[in-house]
Amino acid sequence: MINVHLLLLEKIVLKFILQDILPFKCDKCSFAAVTKCQLKYHVATHTGVKPYQCDRCSYATVRKGDLKLHLAAHTGVKPFKCDQCSYASVLKSDLKRHLSTHTGVKPYKCDQCSFATARKYYLRLHLATHTGVKPFKCDQCSYATAHKRDLKRHLATHISEKSIKCDICSYAAVRKTQLKRHLAIHTGEKRFKCNKCSFATVQITNLKLHLATHTDVKP
């Protein structure tokens, strides 16, 4: 059963979205957030303060959870393991989300259409398609979006040079996520795994192609 408090929080969040009221506003730009915590992380983009620092390299971040993920790159320890396949994770929450791929349970349902998902976060993103609210705004142009990840991709269009460089070869990227995908070529890490067989790959696009072999879908 879904926690009653979580359901209440979702209703409060939805109320703010439907009323186009985002109470926590940045005093330096047009950004506004549903929670005080989201605003705190945003303000750090203006101040440059990153209190969580790695003691093994120069990495620093605004979020404690991001530092925990980063440290796993040094240790390789993934204590949370799936009992149905070879999947393992640094975070218990990631394992919980993974388990839904085996059960097919999607407890978070949209009350306006048939959309359902295993993750509360994805439901929140989906609800924006009904409301039209776009809280994530570019501070360099008029672009606005409902999704933070889309804003990050957009901001890269304002960056003219690829400043994030691989320390093994000459590859350079605009975003850290691009470099992370590239590094898998050097490490051989195949983090995208099929949940129906032992197939694993470096790129998610290859996994999507492979999954079609199980469904016989040929679009």
Protein backbone atom coordinates (compact mmCIF):
# COMPACT_ATOMS: atom_id res chain seq x y z
CA MET A 1 0.00 0.00 0.00
CA ILE A 2 1.32 3.44 -0.90
CA ASN A 3 2.14 5.58 2.11
CA VAL A 4 -0.73 7.95 2.93
CA HIS A 5 1.71 10.79 3.57
CA LEU A 6 3.21 10.37 0.10
CA LEU A 7 -0.26 10.54 -1.44
CA LEU A 8 -0.97 13.71 0.51
CA LEU A 9 2.31 15.26 -0.63
CA GLU A 10 1.50 14.40 -4.25
CA LYS A 11 -1.89 16.10 -3.93
CA ILE A 12 -0.24 19.22 -2.51
CA VAL A 13 2.30 19.26 -5.35
CA LEU A 14 -0.44 18.77 -7.93
CA LYS A 15 -2.43 21.62 -6.34
CA PHE A 16 0.51 23.99 -6.78
CA ILE A 17 0.96 22.88 -10.40
CA LEU A 18 -2.70 23.24 -11.30
CA GLN A 19 -2.87 26.69 -9.75
CA ASP A 20 0.40 27.67 -11.43
CA ILE A 21 1.72 28.61 -7.98
CA LEU A 22 5.32 27.72 -7.20
CA PRO A 23 5.91 29.25 -3.75
CA PHE A 24 9.70 29.12 -3.47
CA LYS A 25 11.17 31.69 -5.85
CA CYS A 26 14.76 32.59 -6.65
CA ASP A 27 15.59 36.24 -6.01
CA LYS A 28 18.24 36.28 -8.76
CA CYS A 29 16.30 34.86 -11.71
CA SER A 30 12.81 33.67 -12.70
CA PHE A 31 13.24 30.15 -11.31
CA ALA A 32 10.55 28.90 -8.91
CA ALA A 33 10.17 25.57 -7.12
CA VAL A 34 7.59 23.42 -5.38
CA THR A 35 9.83 22.72 -2.38
CA LYS A 36 12.38 24.71 -0.38
CA CYS A 37 14.92 21.95 -0.99
CA GLN A 38 14.66 22.35 -4.78
CA LEU A 39 15.20 26.09 -4.42
CA LYS A 40 18.27 25.50 -2.24
CA TYR A 41 19.88 23.36 -4.94
CA HIS A 42 19.04 25.96 -7.59
CA VAL A 43 20.53 28.87 -5.60
CA ALA A 44 23.83 26.98 -5.56
CA THR A 45 24.02 27.44 -9.35
CA HIS A 46 24.33 31.19 -8.69
CA THR A 47 26.69 31.04 -5.71
CA GLY A 48 28.89 28.19 -6.90
CA VAL A 49 28.93 26.74 -3.36
CA LYS A 50 29.33 22.94 -3.39
CA PRO A 51 29.57 21.75 0.22
CA TYR A 52 29.86 18.02 -0.50
CA GLN A 53 33.43 17.29 -1.63
CA CYS A 54 35.14 14.04 -2.55
CA ASP A 55 38.22 13.29 -0.42
CA ARG A 56 39.85 11.36 -3.25
CA CYS A 57 39.63 13.84 -6.13
CA SER A 58 38.50 17.39 -6.93
CA TYR A 59 34.81 16.47 -7.41
CA ALA A 60 32.32 18.60 -5.45
CA THR A 61 28.53 18.83 -5.54
CA VAL A 62 25.47 20.51 -4.04
CA ARG A 63 23.73 17.21 -3.26
CA LYS A 64 24.83 14.63 -0.70
CA GLY A 65 23.25 11.89 -2.80
CA ASP A 66 25.34 12.87 -5.83
CA LEU A 67 28.53 12.59 -3.78
CA LYS A 68 27.51 9.12 -2.64
CA LEU A 69 27.05 8.06 -6.26
CA HIS A 70 30.40 9.60 -7.20
CA LEU A 71 32.25 7.75 -4.43
CA ALA A 72 31.02 4.47 -5.90
CA ALA A 73 33.15 5.26 -8.97
CA HIS A 74 36.21 5.03 -6.71
CA THR A 75 35.16 1.99 -4.68
CA GLY A 76 33.03 0.05 -7.15
CA VAL A 77 30.89 -1.13 -4.22
CA LYS A 78 27.20 -1.72 -5.04
CA PRO A 79 25.63 -3.20 -1.91
CA PHE A 80 22.01 -3.31 -3.10
CA LYS A 81 21.61 -6.37 -5.33
CA CYS A 82 18.61 -7.72 -7.24
CA ASP A 83 17.67 -11.30 -6.29
CA GLN A 84 16.26 -11.98 -9.77
CA CYS A 85 19.11 -10.85 -12.03
CA SER A 86 22.66 -9.48 -11.90
CA TYR A 87 21.62 -5.85 -11.31
CA ALA A 88 23.32 -4.07 -8.41
CA SER A 89 23.16 -0.47 -7.24
CA VAL A 90 24.79 2.06 -4.95
CA LEU A 91 21.40 3.30 -3.74
CA LYS A 92 18.53 1.32 -2.23
CA SER A 93 16.04 3.58 -4.05
CA ASP A 94 17.56 2.60 -7.42
CA LEU A 95 17.18 -1.09 -6.59
CA LYS A 96 13.55 -0.50 -5.63
CA ARG A 97 12.88 1.13 -8.99
CA HIS A 98 14.68 -1.69 -10.78
CA LEU A 99 12.55 -4.36 -9.12
CA SER A 100 9.48 -2.88 -10.80
CA THR A 101 10.90 -4.05 -14.16
CA HIS A 102 10.40 -7.62 -12.92
CA THR A 103 6.98 -7.16 -11.32
CA GLY A 104 5.46 -4.75 -13.83
CA VAL A 105 3.73 -2.93 -10.95
CA LYS A 106 3.04 0.75 -11.70
CA PRO A 107 1.42 2.25 -8.59
CA TYR A 108 1.65 5.91 -9.65
CA LYS A 109 -1.29 6.62 -11.95
CA CYS A 110 -2.43 9.79 -13.68
CA ASP A 111 -6.00 10.78 -12.78
CA GLN A 112 -6.49 12.48 -16.15
CA CYS A 113 -5.43 9.74 -18.58
CA SER A 114 -4.26 6.12 -18.64
CA PHE A 115 -0.60 6.90 -17.90
CA ALA A 116 0.95 4.83 -15.11
CA THR A 117 4.53 4.47 -13.90
CA ALA A 118 6.65 2.74 -11.31
CA ARG A 119 8.26 6.05 -10.28
CA LYS A 120 6.60 9.00 -8.56
CA TYR A 121 9.06 11.35 -10.24
CA TYR A 122 7.93 10.26 -13.73
CA LEU A 123 4.30 10.84 -12.79
CA ARG A 124 5.17 14.37 -11.69
CA LEU A 125 6.86 15.00 -15.04
CA HIS A 126 3.86 13.56 -16.87
CA LEU A 127 1.36 15.79 -15.05
CA ALA A 128 3.07 18.82 -16.58
CA THR A 129 1.84 17.69 -20.01
CA HIS A 130 -1.73 18.30 -18.81
CA THR A 131 -1.12 21.63 -17.06
CA GLY A 132 1.29 23.29 -19.47
CA VAL A 133 3.32 24.67 -16.54
CA LYS A 134 7.01 25.14 -17.44
CA PRO A 135 8.89 26.09 -14.24
CA PHE A 136 12.40 25.47 -15.60
CA LYS A 137 13.46 28.61 -17.49
CA CYS A 138 16.65 29.45 -19.34
CA ASP A 139 18.38 32.56 -17.99
CA GLN A 140 19.90 33.35 -21.40
CA CYS A 141 16.86 33.22 -23.66
CA SER A 142 13.08 32.71 -23.56
CA TYR A 143 13.21 28.89 -23.50
CA ALA A 144 11.15 27.19 -20.79
CA THR A 145 10.29 23.56 -20.12
CA ALA A 146 8.41 21.30 -17.73
CA HIS A 147 11.44 19.07 -17.24
CA LYS A 148 14.76 19.93 -15.58
CA ARG A 149 16.66 17.48 -17.78
CA ASP A 150 15.41 19.23 -20.91
CA LEU A 151 16.65 22.57 -19.57
CA LYS A 152 20.10 21.04 -18.98
CA ARG A 153 20.19 19.84 -22.58
CA HIS A 154 19.08 23.26 -23.80
CA LEU A 155 21.73 25.11 -21.78
CA ALA A 156 24.37 23.13 -23.67
CA THR A 157 23.29 24.94 -26.86
CA HIS A 158 24.60 28.17 -25.33
CA ILE A 159 28.01 26.61 -24.67
CA SER A 160 30.24 27.00 -27.70
CA GLU A 161 33.12 24.79 -26.56
CA LYS A 162 33.39 21.26 -25.23
CA SER A 163 35.04 21.93 -21.89
CA ILE A 164 34.61 18.51 -20.25
CA LYS A 165 37.53 16.39 -21.44
CA CYS A 166 38.42 12.72 -21.17
CA ASP A 167 41.75 12.17 -19.37
CA ILE A 168 42.47 9.01 -21.39
CA CYS A 169 41.98 10.23 -24.97
CA SER A 170 41.21 13.42 -26.90
CA TYR A 171 37.42 13.14 -26.52
CA ALA A 172 35.65 16.24 -25.17
CA ALA A 173 31.97 16.86 -24.32
CA VAL A 174 29.54 19.59 -23.43
CA ARG A 175 27.84 17.61 -20.65
CA LYS A 176 29.17 15.34 -17.89
CA THR A 177 26.62 12.66 -18.84
CA GLN A 178 28.16 12.50 -22.33
CA LEU A 179 31.62 12.00 -20.86
CA LYS A 180 30.29 9.31 -18.51
CA ARG A 181 28.88 7.37 -21.48
CA HIS A 182 32.16 7.79 -23.33
CA LEU A 183 34.25 6.49 -20.40
CA ALA A 184 32.45 3.15 -20.66
CA ILE A 185 34.41 2.60 -23.88
CA HIS A 186 37.64 2.67 -21.86
CA THR A 187 36.42 0.77 -18.80
CA GLY A 188 34.36 -1.82 -20.65
CA GLU A 189 31.51 -1.33 -18.15
CA LYS A 190 28.24 -2.63 -19.57
CA ARG A 191 25.73 -1.00 -17.24
CA PHE A 192 22.70 -1.41 -19.50
CA LYS A 193 21.49 -4.95 -18.84
CA CYS A 194 18.60 -6.96 -20.27
CA ASN A 195 16.15 -8.17 -17.61
CA LYS A 196 15.25 -11.25 -19.65
CA CYS A 197 18.67 -12.68 -20.49
CA SER A 198 22.38 -12.11 -19.83
CA PHE A 199 22.84 -9.47 -22.55
CA ALA A 200 24.60 -6.28 -21.44
CA THR A 201 25.90 -3.30 -23.36
CA VAL A 202 27.70 0.03 -23.05
CA GLN A 203 24.95 2.03 -24.76
CA ILE A 204 21.24 2.20 -23.95
CA THR A 205 20.37 2.38 -27.67
CA ASN A 206 21.91 -1.07 -28.15
CA LEU A 207 19.83 -2.41 -25.26
CA LYS A 208 16.63 -1.04 -26.83
CA LEU A 209 17.49 -2.78 -30.09
CA HIS A 210 18.21 -6.01 -28.22
CA LEU A 211 14.90 -5.93 -26.31
CA ALA A 212 13.08 -6.09 -29.63
CA THR A 213 14.48 -9.61 -30.11
CA HIS A 214 12.38 -10.71 -27.14
CA THR A 215 9.16 -9.03 -28.32
CA ASP A 216 9.49 -9.66 -32.12
CA VAL A 217 8.42 -6.05 -32.65
CA LYS A 218 9.64 -4.79 -36.02
CA PRO A 219 8.36 -1.23 -36.41
